[in-house]
N, C-alpha and C. Protein backbone atom coordinates (compact mmCIF):
# COMPACT_ATOMS: atom_id res chain seq x y z
N MET A 1 -1.34 -1.81 -12.07
CA MET A 1 -0.09 -1.04 -11.87
C MET A 1 -0.73 0.42 -12.28
N GLY A 2 0.71 1.22 -11.70
CA GLY A 2 0.10 2.71 -11.81
C GLY A 2 0.15 2.97 -12.98
N ASP A 3 -1.10 4.79 -13.20
CA ASP A 3 -0.51 5.40 -14.50
C ASP A 3 0.26 6.62 -14.44
N GLN A 4 -0.59 7.70 -15.30
CA GLN A 4 -0.51 8.97 -15.14
C GLN A 4 -1.54 9.33 -13.78
N ARG A 5 -2.44 9.06 -14.30
CA ARG A 5 -3.73 9.48 -13.57
C ARG A 5 -3.31 8.82 -12.05
N SER A 6 -2.76 7.74 -11.64
CA SER A 6 -2.52 7.29 -10.05
C SER A 6 -1.39 8.18 -8.96
N TYR A 7 -0.71 8.88 -10.08
CA TYR A 7 0.00 10.11 -8.75
C TYR A 7 0.19 11.25 -9.84
N ARG A 8 -0.39 12.62 -9.08
CA ARG A 8 -0.23 13.77 -10.04
C ARG A 8 0.38 14.42 -8.64
N PRO A 9 1.65 15.08 -8.65
CA PRO A 9 1.84 15.78 -7.95
C PRO A 9 1.59 17.08 -7.34
N GLY A 10 1.19 17.50 -5.95
CA GLY A 10 0.90 18.61 -5.61
C GLY A 10 -0.44 17.75 -4.94
N ARG A 11 -0.93 16.60 -5.12
CA ARG A 11 -2.63 16.10 -5.11
C ARG A 11 -2.04 14.93 -4.14
N ASP A 12 -3.25 14.76 -3.85
CA ASP A 12 -3.10 13.24 -2.79
C ASP A 12 -3.41 11.90 -3.52
N PHE A 13 -4.14 11.73 -4.16
CA PHE A 13 -4.43 10.67 -5.30
C PHE A 13 -5.36 11.11 -6.00
N SER A 14 -5.73 10.36 -7.26
CA SER A 14 -6.30 10.70 -8.29
C SER A 14 -7.66 10.06 -7.90
N SER A 15 -8.18 11.39 -7.92
CA SER A 15 -9.76 11.21 -7.58
C SER A 15 -10.79 10.30 -8.81
N TYR A 16 -10.11 10.41 -9.94
CA TYR A 16 -10.69 9.81 -11.27
C TYR A 16 -10.95 8.14 -11.03
N LEU A 17 -9.50 7.66 -10.06
CA LEU A 17 -9.34 5.63 -9.89
C LEU A 17 -9.89 5.83 -8.23
N TYR A 18 -9.85 6.82 -7.63
CA TYR A 18 -9.90 6.11 -6.43
C TYR A 18 -10.79 7.24 -5.47
N GLU A 19 -11.27 6.93 -4.33
CA GLU A 19 -12.27 7.76 -3.46
C GLU A 19 -11.54 7.91 -1.98
N ALA A 20 -11.39 8.80 -1.54
CA ALA A 20 -11.34 9.11 -0.10
C ALA A 20 -12.12 8.24 0.80
N ARG A 21 -11.87 6.85 1.97
CA ARG A 21 -12.70 6.60 2.86
C ARG A 21 -12.77 7.13 4.39
N SER A 22 -11.80 7.93 4.25
CA SER A 22 -11.08 9.10 5.75
C SER A 22 -10.48 10.04 5.07
N PRO A 23 -10.39 11.03 6.38
CA PRO A 23 -9.60 12.05 6.42
C PRO A 23 -8.25 11.58 6.27
N ARG A 24 -7.15 12.49 6.14
CA ARG A 24 -5.70 12.27 6.34
C ARG A 24 -5.39 12.40 7.52
N ILE A 25 -4.56 11.40 8.14
CA ILE A 25 -4.61 11.86 9.73
C ILE A 25 -2.93 11.37 9.86
N THR A 26 -2.52 12.05 10.63
CA THR A 26 -0.76 12.27 10.79
C THR A 26 -0.86 11.75 12.12
N ILE A 27 -0.05 10.29 12.68
CA ILE A 27 0.15 10.40 13.95
C ILE A 27 1.46 9.94 13.87
N ASN A 28 2.81 10.10 15.20
CA ASN A 28 4.57 10.31 15.02
C ASN A 28 5.01 10.55 13.51
N GLY A 29 4.63 11.90 13.02
CA GLY A 29 4.64 11.78 11.76
C GLY A 29 4.49 11.49 10.71
N VAL A 30 3.75 10.51 10.67
CA VAL A 30 3.38 9.03 9.46
C VAL A 30 1.65 10.04 9.16
N THR A 31 1.94 10.37 7.53
CA THR A 31 0.13 11.18 7.50
C THR A 31 -0.46 9.50 6.30
N GLY A 32 -1.44 9.38 6.84
CA GLY A 32 -2.22 8.21 6.46
C GLY A 32 -3.86 8.32 6.10
N ARG A 33 -4.04 7.95 5.23
CA ARG A 33 -5.88 7.69 4.57
C ARG A 33 -5.94 6.49 4.46
N MET A 34 -7.37 6.53 4.24
CA MET A 34 -7.92 5.36 3.95
C MET A 34 -8.65 5.71 2.78
N ILE A 35 -8.42 4.78 1.59
CA ILE A 35 -9.23 5.18 0.49
C ILE A 35 -9.14 3.45 -0.19
N ARG A 36 -9.73 3.97 -1.77
CA ARG A 36 -10.95 2.45 -2.29
C ARG A 36 -10.77 2.70 -4.14
N LYS A 37 -10.58 1.89 -4.26
CA LYS A 37 -10.69 2.22 -5.95
C LYS A 37 -12.71 1.84 -6.12
N LYS A 38 -12.68 3.22 -7.55
CA LYS A 38 -14.11 3.57 -7.89
C LYS A 38 -14.73 2.16 -7.76
N THR A 39 -15.86 1.97 -7.44
CA THR A 39 -16.36 0.75 -7.99
C THR A 39 -17.12 0.57 -9.53
N PHE A 40 -16.94 1.49 -9.94
CA PHE A 40 -17.43 1.71 -11.65
C PHE A 40 -16.18 1.47 -12.51
N LEU A 41 -15.32 1.10 -12.03
CA LEU A 41 -13.57 0.87 -12.85
C LEU A 41 -13.60 -0.58 -12.89
N THR A 42 -13.09 -1.03 -13.62
CA THR A 42 -13.22 -2.82 -13.99
C THR A 42 -11.64 -2.99 -13.16
N GLY A 43 -12.13 -4.78 -13.13
CA GLY A 43 -10.58 -4.75 -12.18
C GLY A 43 -10.48 -4.91 -10.77
N ASN A 44 -9.88 -5.16 -10.39
CA ASN A 44 -9.81 -5.47 -8.66
C ASN A 44 -10.08 -4.01 -7.76
N PRO A 45 -11.50 -3.92 -6.67
CA PRO A 45 -11.32 -3.08 -5.95
C PRO A 45 -10.56 -2.73 -4.89
N MET A 46 -10.34 -4.21 -4.57
CA MET A 46 -9.47 -4.55 -3.35
C MET A 46 -7.93 -4.09 -3.77
N HIS A 47 -7.72 -2.88 -4.50
CA HIS A 47 -6.02 -2.59 -4.54
C HIS A 47 -6.19 -1.34 -4.25
N LEU A 48 -4.59 -1.22 -3.79
CA LEU A 48 -4.00 -0.11 -3.90
C LEU A 48 -3.14 0.17 -4.69
N PRO A 49 -2.90 1.92 -5.27
CA PRO A 49 -1.57 2.29 -5.95
C PRO A 49 -0.54 2.09 -5.84
N ASN A 50 0.19 2.36 -6.50
CA ASN A 50 1.73 1.97 -6.50
C ASN A 50 2.55 3.54 -6.19
N TYR A 51 1.22 4.37 -6.43
CA TYR A 51 1.91 5.47 -6.54
C TYR A 51 1.13 6.78 -5.45
N SER A 52 1.46 7.64 -4.74
CA SER A 52 1.29 8.20 -3.35
C SER A 52 1.48 9.88 -3.78
N GLY A 53 0.40 10.46 -3.65
CA GLY A 53 0.68 12.30 -3.33
C GLY A 53 1.34 12.72 -2.21
N LYS A 54 0.25 13.06 -1.16
CA LYS A 54 0.56 13.75 -0.39
C LYS A 54 0.69 12.68 1.58
N CYS A 55 0.57 11.60 1.09
CA CYS A 55 0.55 10.31 2.52
C CYS A 55 1.23 9.88 2.23
N ASP A 56 1.74 9.08 3.29
CA ASP A 56 3.17 8.23 3.46
C ASP A 56 2.80 6.79 3.60
N VAL A 57 1.14 6.50 3.66
CA VAL A 57 0.78 5.26 3.95
C VAL A 57 -0.83 5.42 3.44
N TYR A 58 -1.16 4.39 2.49
CA TYR A 58 -2.51 4.31 1.90
C TYR A 58 -3.12 3.29 2.76
N PHE A 59 -4.49 2.87 3.10
CA PHE A 59 -5.07 1.89 3.60
C PHE A 59 -6.12 1.52 3.18
N LEU A 60 -6.40 0.35 2.82
CA LEU A 60 -7.52 -0.12 1.97
C LEU A 60 -8.53 -0.90 2.67
N PRO A 61 -9.90 -0.46 3.17
CA PRO A 61 -10.93 -0.86 3.97
C PRO A 61 -11.52 -2.30 3.58
N GLY A 62 -12.04 -2.89 4.78
CA GLY A 62 -12.70 -4.15 4.39
C GLY A 62 -13.94 -4.01 4.09
N LYS A 63 -14.64 -5.30 4.60
CA LYS A 63 -15.93 -5.41 4.34
C LYS A 63 -17.00 -4.32 5.50
N ASP A 64 -16.27 -4.19 7.03
CA ASP A 64 -16.74 -3.77 8.02
C ASP A 64 -15.95 -2.79 8.07
N GLY A 65 -15.44 -2.02 7.07
CA GLY A 65 -14.94 -0.33 7.47
C GLY A 65 -13.89 -0.32 8.10
N LEU A 66 -12.79 -1.63 8.51
CA LEU A 66 -11.67 -1.51 9.03
C LEU A 66 -10.37 -1.67 8.33
N ALA A 67 -9.46 -0.99 8.07
CA ALA A 67 -8.25 -1.09 7.02
C ALA A 67 -8.11 -2.76 7.25
N ILE A 68 -7.11 -3.62 5.86
CA ILE A 68 -7.05 -5.01 6.09
C ILE A 68 -5.79 -4.94 5.13
N GLN A 69 -5.46 -3.90 4.84
CA GLN A 69 -4.38 -3.62 4.40
C GLN A 69 -3.11 -2.33 4.39
N ALA A 70 -1.87 -1.93 4.19
CA ALA A 70 -1.28 -0.88 3.88
C ALA A 70 -0.20 -0.93 3.31
N LYS A 71 -0.19 0.35 2.32
CA LYS A 71 1.09 0.75 1.14
C LYS A 71 1.57 1.39 1.71
N VAL A 72 3.42 1.44 1.81
CA VAL A 72 3.94 2.47 2.25
C VAL A 72 4.85 2.79 1.59
N PHE A 73 4.77 4.62 1.24
CA PHE A 73 5.52 4.96 -0.22
C PHE A 73 6.77 5.47 0.44
N SER A 74 7.42 5.95 -0.68
CA SER A 74 9.01 6.75 -0.10
C SER A 74 9.41 7.21 -1.85
N ASN A 75 9.38 8.28 -2.07
CA ASN A 75 9.76 9.33 -2.79
C ASN A 75 8.20 8.80 -3.88
N HIS A 76 7.39 8.93 -3.17
CA HIS A 76 5.47 8.76 -4.22
C HIS A 76 5.46 7.53 -4.78
N ARG A 77 6.79 6.10 -4.22
CA ARG A 77 7.00 4.96 -4.81
C ARG A 77 6.33 4.14 -3.51
N VAL A 78 5.69 2.93 -4.12
CA VAL A 78 5.08 2.13 -2.95
C VAL A 78 7.03 1.50 -2.77
N VAL A 79 7.01 0.97 -1.30
CA VAL A 79 8.32 0.37 -0.60
C VAL A 79 7.91 -0.93 0.18
N LYS A 80 6.68 -0.60 0.95
CA LYS A 80 6.11 -1.86 1.40
C LYS A 80 5.01 -2.05 1.38
N ASP A 81 4.35 -3.55 2.00
CA ASP A 81 2.69 -3.89 1.61
C ASP A 81 2.74 -4.72 3.04
N PHE A 82 1.91 -3.41 3.96
CA PHE A 82 1.38 -4.08 5.27
C PHE A 82 0.70 -5.00 4.97
N ASP A 83 0.15 -6.09 5.13
CA ASP A 83 -0.78 -6.78 4.89
C ASP A 83 -1.45 -7.63 6.16
N TRP A 84 -2.67 -7.96 6.67
CA TRP A 84 -3.26 -8.62 7.69
C TRP A 84 -4.86 -9.47 7.68
N SER A 85 -5.08 -9.45 6.42
CA SER A 85 -6.47 -9.66 5.52
C SER A 85 -6.35 -11.00 5.42
N HIS A 86 -5.46 -12.03 5.16
CA HIS A 86 -5.01 -13.25 4.88
C HIS A 86 -4.46 -14.08 5.47
N ASP A 87 -4.30 -15.25 5.48
CA ASP A 87 -3.06 -16.24 6.09
C ASP A 87 -2.13 -16.15 5.11
N HIS A 88 -0.58 -16.28 5.17
CA HIS A 88 0.09 -16.20 4.16
C HIS A 88 1.31 -16.94 4.37
N ARG A 89 2.30 -18.12 4.08
CA ARG A 89 2.86 -18.42 4.22
C ARG A 89 4.00 -18.52 3.31
N ASN A 90 5.32 -18.20 3.56
CA ASN A 90 6.33 -18.08 2.76
C ASN A 90 6.71 -19.72 2.36
N LYS A 91 7.87 -19.59 1.30
CA LYS A 91 8.03 -20.85 0.43
C LYS A 91 9.07 -21.61 1.29
N ASP A 92 9.69 -21.27 2.53
CA ASP A 92 10.74 -21.74 3.50
C ASP A 92 9.25 -22.17 4.61
N GLY A 93 8.02 -21.98 4.71
CA GLY A 93 7.11 -22.20 5.66
C GLY A 93 6.64 -21.78 6.58
N THR A 94 7.15 -20.16 6.83
CA THR A 94 7.27 -19.61 7.57
C THR A 94 5.56 -18.73 7.35
N PHE A 95 4.88 -18.85 8.80
CA PHE A 95 3.39 -18.51 8.61
C PHE A 95 3.17 -17.78 9.29
N PHE A 96 2.37 -16.50 8.53
CA PHE A 96 1.94 -15.56 9.17
C PHE A 96 0.22 -15.68 9.11
N PRO A 97 -0.31 -15.45 10.50
CA PRO A 97 -1.99 -15.99 10.65
C PRO A 97 -2.74 -14.48 9.99
N LYS A 98 -3.86 -14.56 9.61
CA LYS A 98 -4.84 -13.90 9.22
C LYS A 98 -5.05 -12.52 10.88
N GLY A 99 -4.73 -11.58 10.72
CA GLY A 99 -4.64 -10.78 11.95
C GLY A 99 -3.42 -9.76 12.37
N THR A 100 -2.75 -11.35 12.07
CA THR A 100 -0.68 -10.21 12.08
C THR A 100 -0.59 -9.84 10.98
N VAL A 101 -0.06 -9.20 11.22
CA VAL A 101 0.66 -8.00 9.70
C VAL A 101 2.43 -8.99 9.42
N HIS A 102 1.73 -9.02 8.18
CA HIS A 102 3.37 -9.71 7.27
C HIS A 102 3.48 -8.63 6.23
N VAL A 103 5.11 -8.30 6.25
CA VAL A 103 5.23 -6.75 5.76
C VAL A 103 6.16 -7.43 4.45
N GLN A 104 5.72 -7.43 2.79
CA GLN A 104 6.57 -7.77 1.90
C GLN A 104 6.82 -6.45 1.26
N GLU A 105 8.19 -6.43 0.70
CA GLU A 105 8.87 -5.31 0.19
C GLU A 105 9.40 -5.19 -1.23
N TYR A 106 9.08 -3.86 -1.41
CA TYR A 106 8.63 -3.94 -2.58
C TYR A 106 9.97 -3.49 -3.47
N ILE A 107 10.38 -4.11 -5.27
CA ILE A 107 11.77 -3.39 -5.21
C ILE A 107 11.03 -3.00 -6.81
N VAL A 108 11.46 -1.66 -6.92
CA VAL A 108 11.20 -0.50 -8.17
C VAL A 108 12.45 -0.43 -9.15
N THR A 109 12.31 -0.54 -10.35
CA THR A 109 13.20 -0.58 -11.20
C THR A 109 12.48 0.16 -12.58
N LYS A 110 13.33 1.01 -13.37
CA LYS A 110 13.11 2.12 -13.96
C LYS A 110 13.37 0.44 -15.49
N VAL A 111 12.43 0.48 -16.61
CA VAL A 111 12.59 0.07 -17.35
C VAL A 111 12.42 0.55 -18.64
N ARG A 112 13.52 0.69 -20.02
CA ARG A 112 13.25 1.29 -21.02
C ARG A 112 11.67 0.97 -21.81
N VAL A 113 10.55 1.33 -22.32
CA VAL A 113 9.76 1.12 -22.96
C VAL A 113 9.53 1.86 -24.35
N LYS A 114 8.62 1.50 -25.37
CA LYS A 114 8.50 1.43 -26.69
C LYS A 114 7.18 1.98 -26.74
N GLU A 115 6.41 3.11 -26.22
CA GLU A 115 4.75 2.86 -26.45
C GLU A 115 4.71 4.21 -27.41
N ASN A 116 4.35 4.15 -28.45
CA ASN A 116 3.41 5.22 -29.75
C ASN A 116 4.33 5.45 -30.36
N GLY A 117 5.63 4.71 -30.20
CA GLY A 117 6.52 4.95 -31.33
C GLY A 117 7.84 5.87 -30.84
N LYS A 118 7.80 5.89 -29.21
CA LYS A 118 8.61 6.69 -28.63
C LYS A 118 8.88 6.23 -27.42
N TRP A 119 10.66 6.43 -27.29
CA TRP A 119 11.04 5.37 -26.11
C TRP A 119 10.77 6.33 -25.15
N ARG A 120 10.18 5.30 -23.69
CA ARG A 120 10.33 6.75 -22.24
C ARG A 120 10.64 5.36 -21.47
N TYR A 121 10.92 6.04 -19.94
CA TYR A 121 11.27 4.81 -18.74
C TYR A 121 10.04 5.03 -18.33
N LYS A 122 9.80 3.59 -17.66
CA LYS A 122 8.74 3.28 -17.10
C LYS A 122 9.38 2.69 -15.90
N ASP A 123 8.25 2.83 -14.42
CA ASP A 123 8.60 1.86 -13.02
C ASP A 123 8.03 0.87 -13.39
N MET A 124 9.04 -0.22 -12.99
CA MET A 124 8.33 -1.36 -12.94
C MET A 124 8.39 -1.53 -11.38
N PHE A 125 7.16 -2.64 -10.38
CA PHE A 125 7.41 -3.00 -9.56
C PHE A 125 7.22 -4.53 -9.16
N HIS A 126 7.57 -5.01 -8.28
CA HIS A 126 7.82 -6.29 -7.84
C HIS A 126 7.99 -6.73 -6.51
N ARG A 127 7.37 -7.29 -6.25
CA ARG A 127 6.80 -7.52 -4.44
C ARG A 127 7.32 -8.41 -4.42
N LYS A 128 7.69 -9.04 -3.24
CA LYS A 128 9.14 -10.14 -2.54
C LYS A 128 7.46 -11.11 -2.00
N SER A 129 6.44 -11.21 -2.42
CA SER A 129 5.48 -12.09 -1.73
C SER A 129 6.27 -13.19 -1.10
N LYS A 130 7.03 -13.78 -1.28
CA LYS A 130 7.39 -15.24 -0.61
C LYS A 130 8.42 -14.89 0.32
N GLU A 131 8.53 -13.53 0.34
CA GLU A 131 9.77 -13.55 1.76
C GLU A 131 9.01 -12.20 2.35
N ALA A 132 8.00 -12.80 2.96
CA ALA A 132 7.32 -11.62 3.91
C ALA A 132 8.01 -11.96 5.17
N SER A 133 7.82 -11.45 6.38
CA SER A 133 8.29 -11.30 7.40
C SER A 133 7.28 -10.04 8.84
N LEU A 134 7.77 -10.17 9.68
CA LEU A 134 7.16 -10.15 10.56
C LEU A 134 7.13 -8.16 10.61
N MET A 135 6.85 -7.33 11.21
CA MET A 135 7.11 -5.67 11.02
C MET A 135 8.25 -5.76 12.05
N THR A 136 8.89 -5.20 11.66
CA THR A 136 10.68 -4.41 12.66
C THR A 136 10.55 -3.84 13.89
N ASP A 137 10.74 -3.34 15.06
CA ASP A 137 10.69 -2.60 15.80
C ASP A 137 10.17 -1.42 15.31
N ALA A 138 11.28 -1.09 14.70
CA ALA A 138 11.59 0.26 14.12
C ALA A 138 10.26 0.95 13.26
N ASP A 139 9.95 -0.38 12.54
CA ASP A 139 8.44 -0.46 11.94
C ASP A 139 7.22 -0.15 12.90
N ILE A 140 7.19 -0.80 14.06
CA ILE A 140 6.13 -0.71 14.11
C ILE A 140 6.20 0.61 15.50
N LYS A 141 7.36 1.10 15.84
CA LYS A 141 7.62 2.38 16.27
C LYS A 141 6.62 3.62 15.48
N LYS A 142 7.13 3.33 14.20
CA LYS A 142 6.83 4.75 13.41
C LYS A 142 5.62 4.11 12.68
N TYR A 143 5.02 3.33 12.48
CA TYR A 143 3.83 2.95 11.53
C TYR A 143 2.29 2.47 12.73
N GLY A 144 3.18 1.62 13.66
CA GLY A 144 1.80 0.78 14.47
C GLY A 144 1.18 1.88 15.12
N ASP A 145 1.34 2.93 15.34
CA ASP A 145 0.06 3.80 15.81
C ASP A 145 -0.59 4.26 15.29
N LEU A 146 -0.56 4.37 13.83
CA LEU A 146 -1.73 4.87 12.90
C LEU A 146 -1.79 3.38 12.07
N ILE A 147 -1.09 2.32 11.98
CA ILE A 147 -2.09 1.03 11.85
C ILE A 147 -3.28 1.07 13.21
N HIS A 148 -3.50 1.08 14.27
CA HIS A 148 -4.15 0.56 15.27
C HIS A 148 -5.14 2.21 15.15
N TYR A 149 -4.88 3.20 14.41
CA TYR A 149 -5.78 4.27 14.09
C TYR A 149 -6.91 3.56 13.61
N PHE A 150 -6.56 2.92 12.27
CA PHE A 150 -7.53 2.77 11.01
C PHE A 150 -7.53 1.05 10.93
N ASN A 151 -7.70 0.14 12.27
CA ASN A 151 -7.46 -1.28 12.86
C ASN A 151 -6.92 -1.25 13.87
N PRO A 152 -8.06 -1.16 15.12
CA PRO A 152 -7.89 -1.35 16.51
C PRO A 152 -7.18 -3.21 16.59
N ASN A 153 -8.02 -4.08 16.05
CA ASN A 153 -7.36 -5.11 16.28
C ASN A 153 -6.28 -5.93 15.62
N VAL A 154 -5.79 -5.07 15.15
CA VAL A 154 -4.09 -5.49 14.47
C VAL A 154 -3.90 -6.43 15.33
N LYS A 155 -2.20 -7.34 15.25
CA LYS A 155 -1.37 -7.69 16.06
C LYS A 155 -0.45 -7.72 15.22
N PHE A 156 0.84 -7.18 15.55
CA PHE A 156 2.29 -6.95 15.19
C PHE A 156 3.29 -8.41 15.03
N ARG A 157 2.58 -9.22 16.23
CA ARG A 157 3.84 -10.51 16.81
C ARG A 157 3.14 -11.44 16.71
């Protein structure tokens, strides 16, 4: 989950938590960058942040250096997850083979939590992982060329 170091207004991403693996690229008006969690941190290095700075899409590199996942942001918060790194099956039996993008949407809600004796609002992120779908024509038109820039082997359907 993101914290105050993950999202810093006016910056691209937290250089404390993540390192750039590519320059920022803009295609079709959408800006993306490949980043990776720093290896000295505990936890899952195969993780992308829930907040963004200057990019609309962050990509996660695989072992071969090509992107294996992308997160799409709106108002600096994650709204969609494009993943093609593994086989995925929905509860209804819909199957997405490895190499074909399946889309999972995020629901972002604000909850009131008490931390250090003070109340504050915090974003909670819930990914609809059992309701994955293929990319829509609009998604392919908007993000397709950028995804192929970071991994030319990806299939959309």
